[in-house]
Amino acid sequence: MAFGAVDAPTITSRIEPDSVMIGDRFTYIIEVEKDMVQEVAFPEFEADPKGGIELIESHPVDTVSRDGRRLHLRKRYTMAAFEEGRIAMGGANVLYADKNIIDTLTSDNESILHV
């Protein structure tokens, strides 16, 4: 890495618990590790998105830890499932801005919910 260069943020996502009954609530969690000068925007979900998932509450972003210039952020969404089956939430998408770069970053992992 060149002097002054900053790595792009890393993104992970997960569902807790990963198996629920119809109507049960679960938490969709997106975590980002980034440099403190980088800006990220977490996804916004509609109150009643398609696919059998309903947003109950979007929690504020938490700063989990700080190590020098690196920040570990966590965004939680409380949701409920209303359709039976295997629901793929896909990889989490986070908008990323750093100086003159604006991009959408996607987590490598795919979050799956079993209803």
PDB file of N, CA and C in Angstrom:
ATOM      1  N   MET A   1       0.861  -1.179   0.000  1.00  0.00           N
ATOM      2  CA  MET A   1       0.000   0.000   0.000  1.00  0.00           C
ATOM      3  C   MET A   1       0.900   1.232   0.000  1.00  0.00           C
ATOM      4  N   ALA A   2       0.602   2.172  -0.841  1.00  0.00           N
ATOM      5  CA  ALA A   2       1.375   3.408  -0.941  1.00  0.00           C
ATOM      6  C   ALA A   2       1.120   4.288   0.273  1.00  0.00           C
ATOM      7  N   PHE A   3       2.069   5.160   0.552  1.00  0.00           N
ATOM      8  CA  PHE A   3       1.914   6.076   1.675  1.00  0.00           C
ATOM      9  C   PHE A   3       0.660   6.921   1.481  1.00  0.00           C
ATOM     10  N   GLY A   4      -0.169   6.986   2.489  1.00  0.00           N
ATOM     11  CA  GLY A   4      -1.386   7.793   2.423  1.00  0.00           C
ATOM     12  C   GLY A   4      -2.561   7.080   1.770  1.00  0.00           C
ATOM     13  N   ALA A   5      -2.332   5.905   1.175  1.00  0.00           N
ATOM     14  CA  ALA A   5      -3.431   5.173   0.546  1.00  0.00           C
ATOM     15  C   ALA A   5      -4.304   4.537   1.621  1.00  0.00           C
ATOM     16  N   VAL A   6      -5.601   4.472   1.332  1.00  0.00           N
ATOM     17  CA  VAL A   6      -6.549   3.929   2.291  1.00  0.00           C
ATOM     18  C   VAL A   6      -7.308   2.792   1.621  1.00  0.00           C
ATOM     19  N   ASP A   7      -7.385   1.651   2.313  1.00  0.00           N
ATOM     20  CA  ASP A   7      -8.135   0.515   1.788  1.00  0.00           C
ATOM     21  C   ASP A   7      -9.626   0.811   1.800  1.00  0.00           C
ATOM     22  N   ALA A   8     -10.344   0.222   0.841  1.00  0.00           N
ATOM     23  CA  ALA A   8     -11.803   0.347   0.808  1.00  0.00           C
ATOM     24  C   ALA A   8     -12.377  -0.351   2.034  1.00  0.00           C
ATOM     25  N   PRO A   9     -13.534   0.080   2.506  1.00  0.00           N
ATOM     26  CA  PRO A   9     -14.167  -0.567   3.658  1.00  0.00           C
ATOM     27  C   PRO A   9     -14.473  -2.038   3.377  1.00  0.00           C
ATOM     28  N   THR A  10     -14.507  -2.833   4.435  1.00  0.00           N
ATOM     29  CA  THR A  10     -14.930  -4.227   4.322  1.00  0.00           C
ATOM     30  C   THR A  10     -16.325  -4.348   4.934  1.00  0.00           C
ATOM     31  N   ILE A  11     -17.164  -5.183   4.317  1.00  0.00           N
ATOM     32  CA  ILE A  11     -18.565  -5.292   4.716  1.00  0.00           C
ATOM     33  C   ILE A  11     -18.918  -6.750   4.952  1.00  0.00           C
ATOM     34  N   THR A  12     -19.624  -7.010   6.049  1.00  0.00           N
ATOM     35  CA  THR A  12     -20.177  -8.331   6.320  1.00  0.00           C
ATOM     36  C   THR A  12     -21.629  -8.163   6.746  1.00  0.00           C
ATOM     37  N   SER A  13     -22.405  -9.215   6.543  1.00  0.00           N
ATOM     38  CA  SER A  13     -23.805  -9.174   6.977  1.00  0.00           C
ATOM     39  C   SER A  13     -24.196 -10.538   7.519  1.00  0.00           C
ATOM     40  N   ARG A  14     -25.206 -10.539   8.389  1.00  0.00           N
ATOM     41  CA  ARG A  14     -25.714 -11.793   8.943  1.00  0.00           C
ATOM     42  C   ARG A  14     -27.130 -11.598   9.460  1.00  0.00           C
ATOM     43  N   ILE A  15     -27.806 -12.705   9.680  1.00  0.00           N
ATOM     44  CA  ILE A  15     -29.157 -12.708  10.225  1.00  0.00           C
ATOM     45  C   ILE A  15     -29.129 -13.483  11.538  1.00  0.00           C
ATOM     46  N   GLU A  16     -29.757 -12.929  12.567  1.00  0.00           N
ATOM     47  CA  GLU A  16     -29.843 -13.600  13.871  1.00  0.00           C
ATOM     48  C   GLU A  16     -31.284 -13.602  14.353  1.00  0.00           C
ATOM     49  N   PRO A  17     -31.863 -14.729  14.683  1.00  0.00           N
ATOM     50  CA  PRO A  17     -31.409 -16.071  14.327  1.00  0.00           C
ATOM     51  C   PRO A  17     -31.645 -16.308  12.847  1.00  0.00           C
ATOM     52  N   ASP A  18     -31.038 -17.355  12.290  1.00  0.00           N
ATOM     53  CA  ASP A  18     -31.179 -17.601  10.847  1.00  0.00           C
ATOM     54  C   ASP A  18     -32.383 -18.479  10.507  1.00  0.00           C
ATOM     55  N   SER A  19     -33.129 -18.922  11.541  1.00  0.00           N
ATOM     56  CA  SER A  19     -34.365 -19.686  11.333  1.00  0.00           C
ATOM     57  C   SER A  19     -35.446 -19.137  12.258  1.00  0.00           C
ATOM     58  N   VAL A  20     -36.625 -18.830  11.687  1.00  0.00           N
ATOM     59  CA  VAL A  20     -37.740 -18.300  12.470  1.00  0.00           C
ATOM     60  C   VAL A  20     -39.048 -18.917  11.976  1.00  0.00           C
ATOM     61  N   MET A  21     -40.100 -18.732  12.758  1.00  0.00           N
ATOM     62  CA  MET A  21     -41.446 -19.132  12.354  1.00  0.00           C
ATOM     63  C   MET A  21     -42.103 -17.928  11.675  1.00  0.00           C
ATOM     64  N   ILE A  22     -43.172 -18.159  10.917  1.00  0.00           N
ATOM     65  CA  ILE A  22     -43.893 -17.072  10.257  1.00  0.00           C
ATOM     66  C   ILE A  22     -44.358 -16.063  11.303  1.00  0.00           C
ATOM     67  N   GLY A  23     -44.087 -14.795  11.064  1.00  0.00           N
ATOM     68  CA  GLY A  23     -44.466 -13.719  11.970  1.00  0.00           C
ATOM     69  C   GLY A  23     -43.418 -13.386  13.019  1.00  0.00           C
ATOM     70  N   ASP A  24     -42.409 -14.248  13.177  1.00  0.00           N
ATOM     71  CA  ASP A  24     -41.353 -13.990  14.166  1.00  0.00           C
ATOM     72  C   ASP A  24     -40.425 -12.884  13.683  1.00  0.00           C
ATOM     73  N   ARG A  25     -39.841 -12.222  14.653  1.00  0.00           N
ATOM     74  CA  ARG A  25     -38.870 -11.162  14.351  1.00  0.00           C
ATOM     75  C   ARG A  25     -37.458 -11.737  14.312  1.00  0.00           C
ATOM     76  N   PHE A  26     -36.622 -11.093  13.513  1.00  0.00           N
ATOM     77  CA  PHE A  26     -35.206 -11.428  13.442  1.00  0.00           C
ATOM     78  C   PHE A  26     -34.434 -10.139  13.216  1.00  0.00           C
ATOM     79  N   THR A  27     -33.132 -10.206  13.374  1.00  0.00           N
ATOM     80  CA  THR A  27     -32.277  -9.035  13.208  1.00  0.00           C
ATOM     81  C   THR A  27     -31.350  -9.238  12.018  1.00  0.00           C
ATOM     82  N   TYR A  28     -31.361  -8.277  11.110  1.00  0.00           N
ATOM     83  CA  TYR A  28     -30.435  -8.251   9.979  1.00  0.00           C
ATOM     84  C   TYR A  28     -29.339  -7.265  10.362  1.00  0.00           C
ATOM     85  N   ILE A  29     -28.097  -7.729  10.372  1.00  0.00           N
ATOM     86  CA  ILE A  29     -26.964  -6.929  10.851  1.00  0.00           C
ATOM     87  C   ILE A  29     -25.964  -6.722   9.722  1.00  0.00           C
ATOM     88  N   ILE A  30     -25.576  -5.472   9.521  1.00  0.00           N
ATOM     89  CA  ILE A  30     -24.531  -5.137   8.548  1.00  0.00           C
ATOM     90  C   ILE A  30     -23.399  -4.465   9.324  1.00  0.00           C
ATOM     91  N   GLU A  31     -22.182  -4.981   9.127  1.00  0.00           N
ATOM     92  CA  GLU A  31     -21.016  -4.407   9.791  1.00  0.00           C
ATOM     93  C   GLU A  31     -20.021  -3.917   8.752  1.00  0.00           C
ATOM     94  N   VAL A  32     -19.425  -2.766   9.039  1.00  0.00           N
ATOM     95  CA  VAL A  32     -18.459  -2.139   8.130  1.00  0.00           C
ATOM     96  C   VAL A  32     -17.216  -1.775   8.922  1.00  0.00           C
ATOM     97  N   GLU A  33     -16.054  -2.132   8.387  1.00  0.00           N
ATOM     98  CA  GLU A  33     -14.782  -1.655   8.935  1.00  0.00           C
ATOM     99  C   GLU A  33     -14.214  -0.696   7.909  1.00  0.00           C
ATOM    100  N   LYS A  34     -13.912   0.534   8.369  1.00  0.00           N
ATOM    101  CA  LYS A  34     -13.497   1.584   7.439  1.00  0.00           C
ATOM    102  C   LYS A  34     -12.532   2.537   8.097  1.00  0.00           C
ATOM    103  N   ASP A  35     -11.872   3.341   7.277  1.00  0.00           N
ATOM    104  CA  ASP A  35     -11.043   4.426   7.762  1.00  0.00           C
ATOM    105  C   ASP A  35     -11.968   5.559   8.200  1.00  0.00           C
ATOM    106  N   MET A  36     -11.576   6.303   9.212  1.00  0.00           N
ATOM    107  CA  MET A  36     -12.461   7.337   9.765  1.00  0.00           C
ATOM    108  C   MET A  36     -12.803   8.455   8.776  1.00  0.00           C
ATOM    109  N   VAL A  37     -11.990   8.668   7.721  1.00  0.00           N
ATOM    110  CA  VAL A  37     -12.304   9.719   6.752  1.00  0.00           C
ATOM    111  C   VAL A  37     -13.261   9.248   5.663  1.00  0.00           C
ATOM    112  N   GLN A  38     -13.464   7.949   5.542  1.00  0.00           N
ATOM    113  CA  GLN A  38     -14.372   7.418   4.536  1.00  0.00           C
ATOM    114  C   GLN A  38     -15.819   7.561   5.006  1.00  0.00           C
ATOM    115  N   GLU A  39     -16.701   7.847   4.070  1.00  0.00           N
ATOM    116  CA  GLU A  39     -18.127   7.961   4.369  1.00  0.00           C
ATOM    117  C   GLU A  39     -18.847   6.736   3.820  1.00  0.00           C
ATOM    118  N   VAL A  40     -19.762   6.190   4.604  1.00  0.00           N
ATOM    119  CA  VAL A  40     -20.589   5.080   4.143  1.00  0.00           C
ATOM    120  C   VAL A  40     -22.044   5.388   4.462  1.00  0.00           C
ATOM    121  N   ALA A  41     -22.935   4.866   3.629  1.00  0.00           N
ATOM    122  CA  ALA A  41     -24.373   5.008   3.857  1.00  0.00           C
ATOM    123  C   ALA A  41     -24.976   3.614   3.825  1.00  0.00           C
ATOM    124  N   PHE A  42     -25.630   3.245   4.916  1.00  0.00           N
ATOM    125  CA  PHE A  42     -26.250   1.936   5.019  1.00  0.00           C
ATOM    126  C   PHE A  42     -27.560   1.920   4.242  1.00  0.00           C
ATOM    127  N   PRO A  43     -28.001   0.733   3.802  1.00  0.00           N
ATOM    128  CA  PRO A  43     -29.240   0.660   3.017  1.00  0.00           C
ATOM    129  C   PRO A  43     -30.460   1.064   3.836  1.00  0.00           C
ATOM    130  N   GLU A  44     -31.456   1.555   3.127  1.00  0.00           N
ATOM    131  CA  GLU A  44     -32.739   1.870   3.745  1.00  0.00           C
ATOM    132  C   GLU A  44     -33.762   0.908   3.167  1.00  0.00           C
ATOM    133  N   PHE A  45     -34.551   0.317   4.038  1.00  0.00           N
ATOM    134  CA  PHE A  45     -35.587  -0.617   3.609  1.00  0.00           C
ATOM    135  C   PHE A  45     -36.935   0.054   3.747  1.00  0.00           C
ATOM    136  N   GLU A  46     -37.847  -0.281   2.856  1.00  0.00           N
ATOM    137  CA  GLU A  46     -39.211   0.228   2.973  1.00  0.00           C
ATOM    138  C   GLU A  46     -39.903  -0.500   4.121  1.00  0.00           C
ATOM    139  N   ALA A  47     -40.956   0.105   4.635  1.00  0.00           N
ATOM    140  CA  ALA A  47     -41.687  -0.503   5.748  1.00  0.00           C
ATOM    141  C   ALA A  47     -42.277  -1.853   5.364  1.00  0.00           C
ATOM    142  N   ASP A  48     -42.634  -2.053   4.095  1.00  0.00           N
ATOM    143  CA  ASP A  48     -43.224  -3.311   3.648  1.00  0.00           C
ATOM    144  C   ASP A  48     -42.605  -3.735   2.316  1.00  0.00           C
ATOM    145  N   PRO A  49     -41.311  -4.150   2.342  1.00  0.00           N
ATOM    146  CA  PRO A  49     -40.674  -4.545   1.089  1.00  0.00           C
ATOM    147  C   PRO A  49     -41.258  -5.852   0.548  1.00  0.00           C
ATOM    148  N   LYS A  50     -41.052  -6.080  -0.721  1.00  0.00           N
ATOM    149  CA  LYS A  50     -41.515  -7.319  -1.342  1.00  0.00           C
ATOM    150  C   LYS A  50     -40.670  -8.487  -0.848  1.00  0.00           C
ATOM    151  N   GLY A  51     -41.185  -9.689  -0.999  1.00  0.00           N
ATOM    152  CA  GLY A  51     -40.415 -10.871  -0.631  1.00  0.00           C
ATOM    153  C   GLY A  51     -40.774 -11.449   0.716  1.00  0.00           C
ATOM    154  N   GLY A  52     -41.869 -11.004   1.332  1.00  0.00           N
ATOM    155  CA  GLY A  52     -42.306 -11.599   2.582  1.00  0.00           C
ATOM    156  C   GLY A  52     -41.603 -11.106   3.824  1.00  0.00           C
ATOM    157  N   ILE A  53     -40.827 -10.044   3.710  1.00  0.00           N
ATOM    158  CA  ILE A  53     -40.094  -9.473   4.850  1.00  0.00           C
ATOM    159  C   ILE A  53     -40.640  -8.085   5.138  1.00  0.00           C
ATOM    160  N   GLU A  54     -40.872  -7.800   6.416  1.00  0.00           N
ATOM    161  CA  GLU A  54     -41.349  -6.475   6.803  1.00  0.00           C
ATOM    162  C   GLU A  54     -40.361  -5.833   7.766  1.00  0.00           C
ATOM    163  N   LEU A  55     -40.012  -4.568   7.503  1.00  0.00           N
ATOM    164  CA  LEU A  55     -39.140  -3.815   8.400  1.00  0.00           C
ATOM    165  C   LEU A  55     -39.951  -3.367   9.608  1.00  0.00           C
ATOM    166  N   ILE A  56     -39.484  -3.721  10.792  1.00  0.00           N
ATOM    167  CA  ILE A  56     -40.123  -3.300  12.037  1.00  0.00           C
ATOM    168  C   ILE A  56     -39.435  -2.045  12.574  1.00  0.00           C
ATOM    169  N   GLU A  57     -38.087  -2.080  12.616  1.00  0.00           N
ATOM    170  CA  GLU A  57     -37.333  -0.937  13.141  1.00  0.00           C
ATOM    171  C   GLU A  57     -35.936  -0.898  12.537  1.00  0.00           C
ATOM    172  N   SER A  58     -35.500   0.301  12.176  1.00  0.00           N
ATOM    173  CA  SER A  58     -34.137   0.541  11.727  1.00  0.00           C
ATOM    174  C   SER A  58     -33.406   1.224  12.879  1.00  0.00           C
ATOM    175  N   HIS A  59     -32.436   0.541  13.467  1.00  0.00           N
ATOM    176  CA  HIS A  59     -31.713   1.059  14.633  1.00  0.00           C
ATOM    177  C   HIS A  59     -30.599   2.002  14.198  1.00  0.00           C
ATOM    178  N   PRO A  60     -30.181   2.917  15.077  1.00  0.00           N
ATOM    179  CA  PRO A  60     -29.064   3.820  14.729  1.00  0.00           C
ATOM    180  C   PRO A  60     -27.767   3.036  14.527  1.00  0.00           C
ATOM    181  N   VAL A  61     -26.843   3.615  13.797  1.00  0.00           N
ATOM    182  CA  VAL A  61     -25.534   3.004  13.580  1.00  0.00           C
ATOM    183  C   VAL A  61     -24.746   3.061  14.883  1.00  0.00           C
ATOM    184  N   ASP A  62     -24.152   1.922  15.260  1.00  0.00           N
ATOM    185  CA  ASP A  62     -23.313   1.838  16.458  1.00  0.00           C
ATOM    186  C   ASP A  62     -21.851   1.794  16.066  1.00  0.00           C
ATOM    187  N   THR A  63     -20.994   2.476  16.833  1.00  0.00           N
ATOM    188  CA  THR A  63     -19.557   2.321  16.682  1.00  0.00           C
ATOM    189  C   THR A  63     -19.144   1.216  17.640  1.00  0.00           C
ATOM    190  N   VAL A  64     -18.773   0.073  17.089  1.00  0.00           N
ATOM    191  CA  VAL A  64     -18.431  -1.091  17.896  1.00  0.00           C
ATOM    192  C   VAL A  64     -17.040  -0.937  18.489  1.00  0.00           C
ATOM    193  N   SER A  65     -16.079  -0.482  17.659  1.00  0.00           N
ATOM    194  CA  SER A  65     -14.719  -0.294  18.157  1.00  0.00           C
ATOM    195  C   SER A  65     -13.979   0.703  17.266  1.00  0.00           C
ATOM    196  N   ARG A  66     -12.875   1.188  17.806  1.00  0.00           N
ATOM    197  CA  ARG A  66     -11.986   2.080  17.064  1.00  0.00           C
ATOM    198  C   ARG A  66     -10.563   1.654  17.351  1.00  0.00           C
ATOM    199  N   ASP A  67      -9.779   1.481  16.278  1.00  0.00           N
ATOM    200  CA  ASP A  67      -8.387   1.098  16.409  1.00  0.00           C
ATOM    201  C   ASP A  67      -7.579   2.063  15.549  1.00  0.00           C
ATOM    202  N   GLY A  68      -7.059   3.113  16.182  1.00  0.00           N
ATOM    203  CA  GLY A  68      -6.364   4.153  15.428  1.00  0.00           C
ATOM    204  C   GLY A  68      -7.353   4.860  14.513  1.00  0.00           C
ATOM    205  N   ARG A  69      -7.114   4.781  13.211  1.00  0.00           N
ATOM    206  CA  ARG A  69      -8.006   5.417  12.227  1.00  0.00           C
ATOM    207  C   ARG A  69      -9.116   4.488  11.753  1.00  0.00           C
ATOM    208  N   ARG A  70      -9.085   3.216  12.152  1.00  0.00           N
ATOM    209  CA  ARG A  70     -10.081   2.238  11.692  1.00  0.00           C
ATOM    210  C   ARG A  70     -11.276   2.223  12.637  1.00  0.00           C
ATOM    211  N   LEU A  71     -12.469   2.276  12.040  1.00  0.00           N
ATOM    212  CA  LEU A  71     -13.724   2.194  12.787  1.00  0.00           C
ATOM    213  C   LEU A  71     -14.467   0.925  12.403  1.00  0.00           C
ATOM    214  N   HIS A  72     -15.089   0.303  13.389  1.00  0.00           N
ATOM    215  CA  HIS A  72     -15.946  -0.861  13.156  1.00  0.00           C
ATOM    216  C   HIS A  72     -17.370  -0.417  13.489  1.00  0.00           C
ATOM    217  N   LEU A  73     -18.212  -0.300  12.450  1.00  0.00           N
ATOM    218  CA  LEU A  73     -19.588   0.176  12.602  1.00  0.00           C
ATOM    219  C   LEU A  73     -20.573  -0.974  12.441  1.00  0.00           C
ATOM    220  N   ARG A  74     -21.702  -0.889  13.145  1.00  0.00           N
ATOM    221  CA  ARG A  74     -22.749  -1.906  13.041  1.00  0.00           C
ATOM    222  C   ARG A  74     -24.108  -1.229  12.886  1.00  0.00           C
ATOM    223  N   LYS A  75     -24.873  -1.693  11.893  1.00  0.00           N
ATOM    224  CA  LYS A  75     -26.237  -1.219  11.671  1.00  0.00           C
ATOM    225  C   LYS A  75     -27.158  -2.432  11.800  1.00  0.00           C
ATOM    226  N   ARG A  76     -28.206  -2.294  12.636  1.00  0.00           N
ATOM    227  CA  ARG A  76     -29.145  -3.397  12.854  1.00  0.00           C
ATOM    228  C   ARG A  76     -30.534  -2.994  12.370  1.00  0.00           C
ATOM    229  N   TYR A  77     -31.218  -3.976  11.804  1.00  0.00           N
ATOM    230  CA  TYR A  77     -32.603  -3.814  11.357  1.00  0.00           C
ATOM    231  C   TYR A  77     -33.421  -4.933  11.998  1.00  0.00           C
ATOM    232  N   THR A  78     -34.499  -4.581  12.690  1.00  0.00           N
ATOM    233  CA  THR A  78     -35.420  -5.588  13.201  1.00  0.00           C
ATOM    234  C   THR A  78     -36.476  -5.794  12.133  1.00  0.00           C
ATOM    235  N   MET A  79     -36.661  -7.064  11.736  1.00  0.00           N
ATOM    236  CA  MET A  79     -37.588  -7.394  10.658  1.00  0.00           C
ATOM    237  C   MET A  79     -38.456  -8.580  11.070  1.00  0.00           C
ATOM    238  N   ALA A  80     -39.504  -8.832  10.305  1.00  0.00           N
ATOM    239  CA  ALA A  80     -40.367  -9.997  10.524  1.00  0.00           C
ATOM    240  C   ALA A  80     -40.595 -10.672   9.177  1.00  0.00           C
ATOM    241  N   ALA A  81     -40.726 -12.001   9.214  1.00  0.00           N
ATOM    242  CA  ALA A  81     -40.953 -12.790   8.002  1.00  0.00           C
ATOM    243  C   ALA A  81     -42.400 -13.259   7.967  1.00  0.00           C
ATOM    244  N   PHE A  82     -43.033 -13.116   6.796  1.00  0.00           N
ATOM    245  CA  PHE A  82     -44.440 -13.500   6.667  1.00  0.00           C
ATOM    246  C   PHE A  82     -44.687 -14.490   5.540  1.00  0.00           C
ATOM    247  N   GLU A  83     -43.627 -15.071   4.980  1.00  0.00           N
ATOM    248  CA  GLU A  83     -43.770 -16.116   3.977  1.00  0.00           C
ATOM    249  C   GLU A  83     -42.856 -17.271   4.347  1.00  0.00           C
ATOM    250  N   GLU A  84     -43.368 -18.474   4.169  1.00  0.00           N
ATOM    251  CA  GLU A  84     -42.600 -19.666   4.490  1.00  0.00           C
ATOM    252  C   GLU A  84     -41.593 -19.943   3.378  1.00  0.00           C
ATOM    253  N   GLY A  85     -40.440 -20.483   3.766  1.00  0.00           N
ATOM    254  CA  GLY A  85     -39.438 -20.863   2.780  1.00  0.00           C
ATOM    255  C   GLY A  85     -38.059 -20.351   3.129  1.00  0.00           C
ATOM    256  N   ARG A  86     -37.203 -20.415   2.150  1.00  0.00           N
ATOM    257  CA  ARG A  86     -35.816 -19.948   2.273  1.00  0.00           C
ATOM    258  C   ARG A  86     -35.751 -18.576   1.610  1.00  0.00           C
ATOM    259  N   ILE A  87     -35.449 -17.559   2.391  1.00  0.00           N
ATOM    260  CA  ILE A  87     -35.412 -16.182   1.875  1.00  0.00           C
ATOM    261  C   ILE A  87     -33.957 -15.720   1.835  1.00  0.00           C
ATOM    262  N   ALA A  88     -33.488 -15.390   0.633  1.00  0.00           N
ATOM    263  CA  ALA A  88     -32.120 -14.904   0.451  1.00  0.00           C
ATOM    264  C   ALA A  88     -32.130 -13.388   0.516  1.00  0.00           C
ATOM    265  N   MET A  89     -31.449 -12.848   1.493  1.00  0.00           N
ATOM    266  CA  MET A  89     -31.343 -11.392   1.633  1.00  0.00           C
ATOM    267  C   MET A  89     -30.271 -10.846   0.695  1.00  0.00           C
ATOM    268  N   GLY A  90     -29.446 -11.738   0.121  1.00  0.00           N
ATOM    269  CA  GLY A  90     -28.374 -11.300  -0.766  1.00  0.00           C
ATOM    270  C   GLY A  90     -27.227 -10.699   0.034  1.00  0.00           C
ATOM    271  N   GLY A  91     -26.249 -10.196  -0.670  1.00  0.00           N
ATOM    272  CA  GLY A  91     -25.150  -9.500  -0.014  1.00  0.00           C
ATOM    273  C   GLY A  91     -25.587  -8.098   0.360  1.00  0.00           C
ATOM    274  N   ALA A  92     -25.066  -7.587   1.448  1.00  0.00           N
ATOM    275  CA  ALA A  92     -25.414  -6.239   1.894  1.00  0.00           C
ATOM    276  C   ALA A  92     -24.737  -5.207   1.001  1.00  0.00           C
ATOM    277  N   ASN A  93     -25.487  -4.191   0.584  1.00  0.00           N
ATOM    278  CA  ASN A  93     -24.947  -3.103  -0.235  1.00  0.00           C
ATOM    279  C   ASN A  93     -24.801  -1.849   0.618  1.00  0.00           C
ATOM    280  N   VAL A  94     -23.620  -1.256   0.571  1.00  0.00           N
ATOM    281  CA  VAL A  94     -23.334  -0.034   1.317  1.00  0.00           C
ATOM    282  C   VAL A  94     -22.744   0.980   0.348  1.00  0.00           C
ATOM    283  N   LEU A  95     -23.267   2.199   0.365  1.00  0.00           N
ATOM    284  CA  LEU A  95     -22.737   3.276  -0.464  1.00  0.00           C
ATOM    285  C   LEU A  95     -21.459   3.786   0.189  1.00  0.00           C
ATOM    286  N   TYR A  96     -20.424   3.982  -0.622  1.00  0.00           N
ATOM    287  CA  TYR A  96     -19.101   4.338  -0.127  1.00  0.00           C
ATOM    288  C   TYR A  96     -18.614   5.589  -0.845  1.00  0.00           C
ATOM    289  N   ALA A  97     -18.129   6.557  -0.081  1.00  0.00           N
ATOM    290  CA  ALA A  97     -17.577   7.784  -0.659  1.00  0.00           C
ATOM    291  C   ALA A  97     -16.260   8.106   0.027  1.00  0.00           C
ATOM    292  N   ASP A  98     -15.228   8.364  -0.788  1.00  0.00           N
ATOM    293  CA  ASP A  98     -13.913   8.732  -0.272  1.00  0.00           C
ATOM    294  C   ASP A  98     -13.267   9.655  -1.302  1.00  0.00           C
ATOM    295  N   LYS A  99     -13.111  10.907  -0.952  1.00  0.00           N
ATOM    296  CA  LYS A  99     -12.590  11.938  -1.850  1.00  0.00           C
ATOM    297  C   LYS A  99     -13.465  12.008  -3.086  1.00  0.00           C
ATOM    298  N   ASN A 100     -12.940  11.686  -4.263  1.00  0.00           N
ATOM    299  CA  ASN A 100     -13.749  11.781  -5.478  1.00  0.00           C
ATOM    300  C   ASN A 100     -14.281  10.418  -5.939  1.00  0.00           C
ATOM    301  N   ILE A 101     -14.245   9.424  -5.077  1.00  0.00           N
ATOM    302  CA  ILE A 101     -14.739   8.083  -5.401  1.00  0.00           C
ATOM    303  C   ILE A 101     -16.088   7.870  -4.732  1.00  0.00           C
ATOM    304  N   ILE A 102     -17.099   7.496  -5.521  1.00  0.00           N
ATOM    305  CA  ILE A 102     -18.395   7.088  -4.977  1.00  0.00           C
ATOM    306  C   ILE A 102     -18.710   5.744  -5.607  1.00  0.00           C
ATOM    307  N   ASP A 103     -18.994   4.755  -4.770  1.00  0.00           N
ATOM    308  CA  ASP A 103     -19.195   3.407  -5.261  1.00  0.00           C
ATOM    309  C   ASP A 103     -20.157   2.669  -4.331  1.00  0.00           C
ATOM    310  N   THR A 104     -20.706   1.574  -4.819  1.00  0.00           N
ATOM    311  CA  THR A 104     -21.507   0.695  -3.978  1.00  0.00           C
ATOM    312  C   THR A 104     -20.687  -0.548  -3.710  1.00  0.00           C
ATOM    313  N   LEU A 105     -20.479  -0.857  -2.440  1.00  0.00           N
ATOM    314  CA  LEU A 105     -19.735  -2.043  -2.052  1.00  0.00           C
ATOM    315  C   LEU A 105     -20.721  -3.094  -1.564  1.00  0.00           C
ATOM    316  N   THR A 106     -20.456  -4.358  -1.893  1.00  0.00           N
ATOM    317  CA  THR A 106     -21.330  -5.459  -1.516  1.00  0.00           C
ATOM    318  C   THR A 106     -20.550  -6.470  -0.696  1.00  0.00           C
ATOM    319  N   SER A 107     -21.184  -6.981   0.365  1.00  0.00           N
ATOM    320  CA  SER A 107     -20.521  -7.997   1.180  1.00  0.00           C
ATOM    321  C   SER A 107     -20.373  -9.280   0.371  1.00  0.00           C
ATOM    322  N   ASP A 108     -19.338 -10.057   0.688  1.00  0.00           N
ATOM    323  CA  ASP A 108     -19.088 -11.308  -0.012  1.00  0.00           C
ATOM    324  C   ASP A 108     -20.061 -12.402   0.400  1.00  0.00           C
ATOM    325  N   ASN A 109     -20.586 -12.304   1.602  1.00  0.00           N
ATOM    326  CA  ASN A 109     -21.469 -13.355   2.088  1.00  0.00           C
ATOM    327  C   ASN A 109     -22.931 -13.030   1.786  1.00  0.00           C
ATOM    328  N   GLU A 110     -23.724 -14.076   1.630  1.00  0.00           N
ATOM    329  CA  GLU A 110     -25.164 -13.920   1.377  1.00  0.00           C
ATOM    330  C   GLU A 110     -25.912 -14.372   2.625  1.00  0.00           C
ATOM    331  N   SER A 111     -26.771 -13.516   3.139  1.00  0.00           N
ATOM    332  CA  SER A 111     -27.547 -13.836   4.337  1.00  0.00           C
ATOM    333  C   SER A 111     -28.808 -14.577   3.931  1.00  0.00           C
ATOM    334  N   ILE A 112     -29.042 -15.750   4.542  1.00  0.00           N
ATOM    335  CA  ILE A 112     -30.186 -16.598   4.238  1.00  0.00           C
ATOM    336  C   ILE A 112     -31.053 -16.741   5.493  1.00  0.00           C
ATOM    337  N   LEU A 113     -32.361 -16.605   5.316  1.00  0.00           N
ATOM    338  CA  LEU A 113     -33.305 -16.794   6.411  1.00  0.00           C
ATOM    339  C   LEU A 113     -34.184 -17.995   6.083  1.00  0.00           C
ATOM    340  N   HIS A 114     -34.343 -18.895   7.047  1.00  0.00           N
ATOM    341  CA  HIS A 114     -35.213 -20.062   6.888  1.00  0.00           C
ATOM    342  C   HIS A 114     -36.477 -19.822   7.715  1.00  0.00           C
ATOM    343  N   VAL A 115     -37.633 -19.821   7.039  1.00  0.00           N
ATOM    344  CA  VAL A 115     -38.916 -19.566   7.709  1.00  0.00           C
ATOM    345  C   VAL A 115     -39.738 -20.834   7.644  1.00  0.00           C
TER     346      VAL A 115
END
